[in-house]
């Protein structure tokens, strides 16, 4: 089974149905296929279960930990709401998510403990391709997570240099985009080339693939190359404060080498 993904751009009538499964105390969300679109540990609903989703939080290595609650998060693709709940509840960030499929939103509210909209949390029904060009959001996002796939998780739905350039425009000077690259029709080299065109190769950091084949890439609005000692110190804070395996990230995360 493959990890979480958000729906493709389709008319509402064509959107796939949402289905659920459970195994070993973990609830999974599907879009009418066996592919896993998101997961939640039932007894710890704000934990990040999937390894690649944990790695989507690696932007934390590049900011001062005490500044995190004052930052803004935006997710393109809700999945099972894992990143949304983590940023809103565990990190205390102002959090917005854009999701195309209203059935996914309803399932997350009913089965995946997604809180209702309120101060600091908004779920927007919309098309990510349009949202990244929203003028009111330019230069306001500190942590932008992109995880956009259709029901069969074949390849990223939005993966062009133009899309990534629009996404870059949303970021603050210290802002970072994290993207999940996965799929049997995907091309990591093509995706990295598109990201490098939009951000510059010096702005990219790349994880080794997970066992399931997910490659998480970080793209920074302002390129950073902190000393390893700085990254190690921040990784320890992230591990102790938010219970994320950040000390393992440093064994797998490297600056992009074209």
Protein backbone atom coordinates (compact mmCIF):
# COMPACT_ATOMS: atom_id res chain seq x y z
CA UNK A 1 0.00 0.00 0.00
CA UNK A 2 1.20 3.51 -0.76
CA UNK A 3 1.11 6.66 1.30
CA UNK A 4 -1.13 9.64 1.47
CA UNK A 5 -2.05 11.83 -1.48
CA UNK A 6 -4.57 14.47 -2.43
CA UNK A 7 -7.02 14.30 -5.31
CA UNK A 8 -6.46 15.38 -8.87
CA UNK A 9 -8.26 18.34 -10.42
CA UNK A 10 -11.56 16.84 -11.54
CA UNK A 11 -15.19 17.93 -11.79
CA UNK A 12 -17.06 17.24 -8.55
CA UNK A 13 -19.11 14.49 -10.21
CA UNK A 14 -15.93 12.63 -11.15
CA UNK A 15 -14.29 12.72 -7.72
CA UNK A 16 -13.63 9.20 -6.36
CA UNK A 17 -15.48 7.88 -3.30
CA UNK A 18 -13.82 7.88 0.11
CA UNK A 19 -13.39 4.52 1.84
CA UNK A 20 -11.74 3.46 5.11
CA UNK A 21 -9.78 0.51 6.45
CA UNK A 22 -8.20 -0.34 9.81
CA UNK A 23 -5.23 -2.50 10.72
CA UNK A 24 -3.19 -2.78 13.91
CA UNK A 25 -4.79 0.22 15.58
CA UNK A 26 -4.25 2.45 12.53
CA UNK A 27 -7.08 3.84 10.41
CA UNK A 28 -6.42 4.49 6.71
CA UNK A 29 -8.19 6.67 4.18
CA UNK A 30 -8.60 5.50 0.56
CA UNK A 31 -10.13 7.01 -2.56
CA UNK A 32 -11.92 3.94 -3.87
CA UNK A 33 -8.68 1.96 -4.35
CA UNK A 34 -6.26 0.04 -2.08
CA UNK A 35 -3.79 2.97 -2.17
CA UNK A 36 -3.50 4.63 1.23
CA UNK A 37 -4.18 8.36 1.07
CA UNK A 38 -3.56 9.02 4.77
CA UNK A 39 -3.40 7.32 8.15
CA UNK A 40 -4.13 7.94 11.83
CA UNK A 41 -3.17 6.00 14.93
CA UNK A 42 -6.55 5.66 16.61
CA UNK A 43 -5.31 6.04 20.19
CA UNK A 44 -2.90 8.90 19.34
CA UNK A 45 -4.70 10.88 16.61
CA UNK A 46 -2.21 13.75 16.35
CA UNK A 47 0.83 11.51 15.82
CA UNK A 48 2.35 11.31 12.34
CA UNK A 49 2.19 7.62 11.43
CA UNK A 50 3.79 7.43 7.99
CA UNK A 51 7.52 7.96 7.68
CA UNK A 52 7.30 10.23 4.67
CA UNK A 53 4.72 12.44 6.43
CA UNK A 54 7.13 12.82 9.35
CA UNK A 55 9.79 13.92 6.87
CA UNK A 56 7.44 16.58 5.52
CA UNK A 57 8.15 18.36 8.83
CA UNK A 58 11.91 18.59 8.20
CA UNK A 59 11.60 22.33 7.52
CA UNK A 60 11.73 22.57 11.33
CA UNK A 61 15.48 21.98 11.08
CA UNK A 62 15.93 25.36 9.41
CA UNK A 63 14.08 27.68 11.82
CA UNK A 64 14.53 28.59 15.47
CA UNK A 65 12.23 26.22 17.39
CA UNK A 66 10.82 28.93 19.65
CA UNK A 67 9.51 30.84 16.61
CA UNK A 68 7.39 27.96 15.30
CA UNK A 69 4.03 28.84 16.96
CA UNK A 70 4.15 32.30 15.37
CA UNK A 71 4.51 30.89 11.86
CA UNK A 72 1.90 30.04 9.22
CA UNK A 73 1.37 26.62 7.62
CA UNK A 74 -0.43 25.85 4.37
CA UNK A 75 -1.11 22.36 3.05
CA UNK A 76 -2.19 21.58 -0.49
CA UNK A 77 -4.08 18.30 -0.15
CA UNK A 78 -5.75 17.23 3.10
CA UNK A 79 -5.33 13.45 2.95
CA UNK A 80 -6.33 12.14 6.37
CA UNK A 81 -5.50 15.47 8.00
CA UNK A 82 -2.27 14.30 9.66
CA UNK A 83 -0.13 17.34 8.84
CA UNK A 84 -3.04 19.69 9.44
CA UNK A 85 -3.69 18.36 12.95
CA UNK A 86 0.01 18.25 13.78
CA UNK A 87 0.68 21.84 12.72
CA UNK A 88 -2.48 23.18 14.36
CA UNK A 89 -2.56 21.20 17.60
CA UNK A 90 1.02 20.12 18.31
CA UNK A 91 2.92 23.07 16.86
CA UNK A 92 0.29 25.74 17.57
CA UNK A 93 0.62 27.23 14.09
CA UNK A 94 -1.97 29.14 12.11
CA UNK A 95 -2.93 26.42 9.63
CA UNK A 96 -4.85 26.38 6.35
CA UNK A 97 -5.42 23.43 4.03
CA UNK A 98 -6.78 23.43 0.48
CA UNK A 99 -8.69 20.30 -0.55
CA UNK A 100 -10.63 19.64 -3.74
CA UNK A 101 -12.84 16.76 -2.60
CA UNK A 102 -15.59 17.60 -0.08
CA UNK A 103 -15.94 13.89 0.74
CA UNK A 104 -12.35 13.89 2.03
CA UNK A 105 -13.11 16.84 4.31
CA UNK A 106 -16.24 15.13 5.65
CA UNK A 107 -14.35 11.87 6.26
CA UNK A 108 -11.56 13.68 8.12
CA UNK A 109 -14.06 15.46 10.34
CA UNK A 110 -15.99 12.23 11.05
CA UNK A 111 -13.29 9.55 11.23
CA UNK A 112 -9.89 11.27 11.58
CA UNK A 113 -10.46 13.74 14.43
CA UNK A 114 -10.01 16.86 12.28
CA UNK A 115 -11.30 19.80 14.36
CA UNK A 116 -13.88 22.20 12.96
CA UNK A 117 -12.74 25.48 11.48
CA UNK A 118 -11.98 28.13 14.06
CA UNK A 119 -9.22 30.46 15.21
CA UNK A 120 -6.00 29.24 13.66
CA UNK A 121 -7.53 26.50 11.46
CA UNK A 122 -9.24 26.71 8.07
CA UNK A 123 -10.15 24.06 5.51
CA UNK A 124 -10.77 25.55 2.08
CA UNK A 125 -12.52 23.67 -0.71
CA UNK A 126 -10.62 24.60 -3.83
CA UNK A 127 -8.10 23.82 -6.54
CA UNK A 128 -4.47 24.00 -5.44
CA UNK A 129 -3.41 25.14 -8.93
CA UNK A 130 -5.51 28.27 -8.47
CA UNK A 131 -4.80 28.76 -4.78
CA UNK A 132 -1.05 29.15 -5.25
CA UNK A 133 -1.78 32.29 -7.27
CA UNK A 134 -4.03 33.82 -4.61
CA UNK A 135 -2.77 37.41 -4.23
CA UNK A 136 -3.60 37.70 -0.53
CA UNK A 137 -1.29 34.80 0.32
CA UNK A 138 1.82 35.95 -1.50
CA UNK A 139 4.82 36.02 0.83
CA UNK A 140 2.88 34.85 3.90
CA UNK A 141 3.52 31.09 4.24
CA UNK A 142 6.35 29.66 6.34
CA UNK A 143 5.66 25.94 5.84
CA UNK A 144 4.03 24.86 2.57
CA UNK A 145 3.32 21.12 2.22
CA UNK A 146 2.46 19.75 -1.23
CA UNK A 147 1.08 16.21 -1.50
CA UNK A 148 -1.14 16.14 -4.57
CA UNK A 149 -2.08 12.82 -6.13
CA UNK A 150 -5.15 11.25 -7.68
CA UNK A 151 -6.90 8.09 -6.48
CA UNK A 152 -4.37 5.67 -8.01
CA UNK A 153 -1.26 7.61 -6.85
CA UNK A 154 0.46 7.25 -10.21
CA UNK A 155 2.35 10.56 -10.23
CA UNK A 156 2.10 14.06 -8.75
CA UNK A 157 -0.85 15.96 -10.15
CA UNK A 158 0.91 19.35 -10.10
CA UNK A 159 4.63 19.02 -10.78
CA UNK A 160 5.73 21.71 -13.25
CA UNK A 161 8.30 24.49 -12.92
CA UNK A 162 5.46 26.99 -13.33
CA UNK A 163 3.49 25.47 -10.43
CA UNK A 164 6.56 25.43 -8.18
CA UNK A 165 7.34 29.04 -9.10
CA UNK A 166 3.81 30.00 -8.05
CA UNK A 167 4.31 28.03 -4.82
CA UNK A 168 7.60 29.83 -4.16
CA UNK A 169 5.76 33.14 -4.37
CA UNK A 170 3.65 32.14 -1.34
CA UNK A 171 6.68 31.76 0.93
CA UNK A 172 8.13 34.16 3.45
CA UNK A 173 11.92 34.78 3.27
CA UNK A 174 12.46 31.88 5.72
CA UNK A 175 9.66 29.83 4.17
CA UNK A 176 10.08 26.29 2.91
CA UNK A 177 8.10 24.05 0.57
CA UNK A 178 8.10 20.31 1.26
CA UNK A 179 6.81 17.98 -1.44
CA UNK A 180 6.16 14.24 -1.56
CA UNK A 181 7.34 12.69 -4.84
CA UNK A 182 5.99 9.21 -5.48
CA UNK A 183 4.29 7.07 -8.10
CA UNK A 184 4.87 4.48 -10.77
CA UNK A 185 4.50 7.12 -13.50
CA UNK A 186 6.59 9.69 -11.64
CA UNK A 187 10.09 10.83 -12.58
CA UNK A 188 12.22 12.06 -9.68
CA UNK A 189 14.74 13.60 -12.06
CA UNK A 190 12.01 15.52 -13.88
CA UNK A 191 10.49 16.76 -10.62
CA UNK A 192 13.85 17.85 -9.24
CA UNK A 193 14.59 19.69 -12.46
CA UNK A 194 11.26 21.54 -12.21
CA UNK A 195 11.96 22.45 -8.57
CA UNK A 196 15.48 23.61 -9.41
CA UNK A 197 14.13 25.83 -12.18
CA UNK A 198 11.69 27.47 -9.76
CA UNK A 199 13.85 27.72 -6.62
CA UNK A 200 17.43 27.31 -7.83
CA UNK A 201 19.40 24.10 -7.19
CA UNK A 202 21.11 25.60 -4.13
CA UNK A 203 17.71 25.91 -2.41
CA UNK A 204 16.91 22.18 -2.51
CA UNK A 205 17.42 19.44 0.07
CA UNK A 206 16.56 15.83 -0.80
CA UNK A 207 15.78 12.82 1.39
CA UNK A 208 16.69 9.31 0.37
CA UNK A 209 13.53 7.39 -0.59
CA UNK A 210 11.55 5.65 2.13
CA UNK A 211 11.02 1.89 1.97
CA UNK A 212 7.71 2.57 0.23
CA UNK A 213 9.41 4.70 -2.42
CA UNK A 214 8.48 8.21 -1.29
CA UNK A 215 11.08 10.92 -1.81
CA UNK A 216 10.52 14.11 0.20
CA UNK A 217 12.18 17.25 -1.13
CA UNK A 218 12.58 20.58 0.66
CA UNK A 219 12.76 23.82 -1.35
CA UNK A 220 13.71 27.00 0.52
CA UNK A 221 12.73 30.54 -0.48
CA UNK A 222 16.15 31.64 0.81
CA UNK A 223 18.81 28.91 0.49
CA UNK A 224 20.36 27.79 3.79
CA UNK A 225 23.35 25.58 4.49
CA UNK A 226 23.57 25.46 8.32
CA UNK A 227 26.54 23.78 9.96
CA UNK A 228 25.89 20.16 10.89
CA UNK A 229 26.27 21.08 14.56
CA UNK A 230 23.36 23.52 14.22
CA UNK A 231 21.20 20.90 12.51
CA UNK A 232 22.08 18.31 15.16
CA UNK A 233 21.11 20.68 17.98
CA UNK A 234 17.80 21.52 16.33
CA UNK A 235 17.12 17.85 15.61
CA UNK A 236 17.46 17.06 19.31
CA UNK A 237 15.02 19.86 20.22
CA UNK A 238 12.54 18.61 17.60
CA UNK A 239 12.84 15.05 18.91
CA UNK A 240 12.31 16.01 22.55
CA UNK A 241 9.70 18.76 22.05
CA UNK A 242 7.52 17.26 19.30
CA UNK A 243 8.47 13.56 19.32
CA UNK A 244 9.58 13.50 15.70
CA UNK A 245 12.57 11.32 14.63
CA UNK A 246 14.61 14.31 13.51
CA UNK A 247 17.90 12.73 14.58
CA UNK A 248 17.34 10.11 11.86
CA UNK A 249 16.57 12.77 9.23
CA UNK A 250 20.18 13.93 9.25
CA UNK A 251 21.31 10.49 8.05
CA UNK A 252 19.07 10.75 5.00
CA UNK A 253 18.73 14.45 4.12
CA UNK A 254 21.34 15.99 1.82
CA UNK A 255 21.74 19.19 -0.21
CA UNK A 256 20.71 18.63 -3.82
CA UNK A 257 23.54 17.82 -6.20
CA UNK A 258 22.48 18.38 -9.86
